[in-house]
Amino acid sequence: MSAEETIAVLKKRFRPEAAKNLCATYLINIKGDGAAAYLTKISDGTCEFVEHASSGYSPADCQITIDSDDLHQIISGRMSAMTAALSGVLAIEGELGLAMKLVPIFFEG
C-alpha cells in the first residue's frame, strides 16, 4: 500500500468526535514503497493532510516515522500501534501523549 493510499484510508477512518478537543500538528513520515511525508493538522474535530517536502524542518508538534508495510499492518489490525511503538517499528519524536491520541481518532478502541 503506497503512502497516498494509506492517507486515503486514514481520511476515511477519521472520527471527528474523537478529535473534538484536540489541536495539534503531526508529521507522518511513511518510508518504503511509495514513501511520502504528510503534515497532518487536527483542529477541533477537523483533519487536513498536506504532503510535506522533506526540507529538514518540521513544524509539527509530534513526528511519526514508520515503514509503509508496518503501517499497513496497523491499519489492517494485524499489529497495534502500541506494539509497533514499543518494538521500535514506529518511531515517535515529540510529545508521546499526542501520538497516543491518534489511536481513538483513526482506530477503534
Protein backbone atom coordinates (compact mmCIF):
# COMPACT_ATOMS: atom_id res chain seq x y z
CA MET A 1 0.00 0.00 0.00
CA SER A 2 1.51 3.34 -1.02
CA ALA A 3 1.68 6.34 1.29
CA GLU A 4 -1.02 8.05 -0.77
CA GLU A 5 -3.35 5.04 -0.43
CA THR A 6 -2.66 4.88 3.30
CA ILE A 7 -3.55 8.55 3.77
CA ALA A 8 -6.78 7.96 1.81
CA VAL A 9 -7.68 5.17 4.29
CA LEU A 10 -6.87 7.40 7.27
CA LYS A 11 -9.08 10.17 5.83
CA LYS A 12 -11.99 7.72 5.65
CA ARG A 13 -11.36 6.48 9.19
CA PHE A 14 -11.13 9.93 10.76
CA ARG A 15 -13.55 10.25 13.67
CA PRO A 16 -14.32 13.96 14.23
CA GLU A 17 -15.98 13.30 17.60
CA ALA A 18 -12.74 11.77 18.93
CA ALA A 19 -10.76 14.83 17.80
CA LYS A 20 -13.18 17.42 19.11
CA ASN A 21 -10.89 18.90 21.80
CA LEU A 22 -7.54 18.40 20.09
CA CYS A 23 -5.46 21.00 18.27
CA ALA A 24 -2.13 19.55 17.12
CA THR A 25 0.05 19.01 14.08
CA TYR A 26 1.72 15.73 13.22
CA LEU A 27 4.33 14.95 10.61
CA ILE A 28 3.74 11.42 9.40
CA ASN A 29 6.80 10.06 7.56
CA ILE A 30 5.96 6.93 5.62
CA LYS A 31 9.07 5.08 4.45
CA GLY A 32 9.41 2.28 1.92
CA ASP A 33 7.29 1.68 -1.15
CA GLY A 34 5.62 4.90 -2.29
CA ALA A 35 7.27 6.86 0.53
CA ALA A 36 6.00 10.34 1.42
CA ALA A 37 5.58 12.68 4.35
CA TYR A 38 2.32 14.35 5.35
CA LEU A 39 1.75 17.25 7.69
CA THR A 40 -1.46 16.36 9.48
CA LYS A 41 -3.36 19.18 11.12
CA ILE A 42 -6.08 18.23 13.59
CA SER A 43 -8.13 21.09 14.97
CA ASP A 44 -11.35 20.76 16.96
CA GLY A 45 -12.86 17.88 15.02
CA THR A 46 -11.32 18.60 11.62
CA CYS A 47 -8.37 16.94 9.92
CA GLU A 48 -6.24 18.01 7.00
CA PHE A 49 -3.39 16.08 5.35
CA VAL A 50 -0.88 18.11 3.33
CA GLU A 51 2.03 16.46 1.55
CA HIS A 52 5.24 17.77 3.10
CA ALA A 53 8.53 18.21 1.28
CA SER A 54 11.42 16.94 3.37
CA SER A 55 13.38 20.10 3.95
CA GLY A 56 14.70 19.02 7.33
CA TYR A 57 12.33 21.44 9.08
CA SER A 58 9.31 20.01 10.86
CA PRO A 59 6.62 22.43 12.03
CA ALA A 60 4.83 19.55 13.78
CA ASP A 61 4.13 19.02 17.47
CA CYS A 62 4.76 15.30 17.00
CA GLN A 63 6.66 13.40 14.31
CA ILE A 64 5.87 9.77 13.49
CA THR A 65 8.04 7.63 11.21
CA ILE A 66 7.06 4.17 10.03
CA ASP A 67 7.59 1.85 7.06
CA SER A 68 4.61 1.57 4.71
CA ASP A 69 4.33 -2.22 5.23
CA ASP A 70 4.26 -1.83 9.01
CA LEU A 71 1.68 0.95 8.79
CA HIS A 72 -0.46 -1.30 6.60
CA GLN A 73 -0.30 -3.98 9.33
CA ILE A 74 -1.52 -1.43 11.89
CA ILE A 75 -4.33 -0.23 9.63
CA SER A 76 -5.44 -3.79 8.88
CA GLY A 77 -5.45 -4.64 12.60
CA ARG A 78 -2.63 -7.21 12.44
CA MET A 79 -0.44 -5.08 14.74
CA SER A 80 -1.35 -2.50 17.34
CA ALA A 81 0.18 0.97 17.27
CA MET A 82 1.38 0.41 20.85
CA THR A 83 3.19 -2.80 19.88
CA ALA A 84 4.75 -1.01 16.90
CA ALA A 85 5.96 1.84 19.11
CA LEU A 86 7.31 -0.43 21.86
CA SER A 87 9.16 -2.65 19.37
CA GLY A 88 10.75 0.33 17.60
CA VAL A 89 8.85 -0.25 14.35
CA LEU A 90 7.11 3.08 14.80
CA ALA A 91 9.35 5.99 15.82
CA ILE A 92 7.89 8.97 17.69
CA GLU A 93 9.61 12.31 18.15
CA GLY A 94 7.95 14.96 20.25
CA GLU A 95 5.14 14.50 22.72
CA LEU A 96 4.24 10.84 23.17
CA GLY A 97 0.84 11.79 24.56
CA LEU A 98 -0.09 13.46 21.28
CA ALA A 99 0.84 10.33 19.34
CA MET A 100 -1.35 8.21 21.62
CA LYS A 101 -4.32 10.50 20.91
CA LEU A 102 -4.30 9.33 17.29
CA VAL A 103 -5.46 5.82 18.21
CA PRO A 104 -9.09 6.70 19.04
CA ILE A 105 -9.17 9.25 16.20
CA PHE A 106 -8.22 6.81 13.44
CA PHE A 107 -8.62 3.36 15.02
CA GLU A 108 -11.43 1.92 17.07
CA GLY A 109 -10.75 1.16 20.72
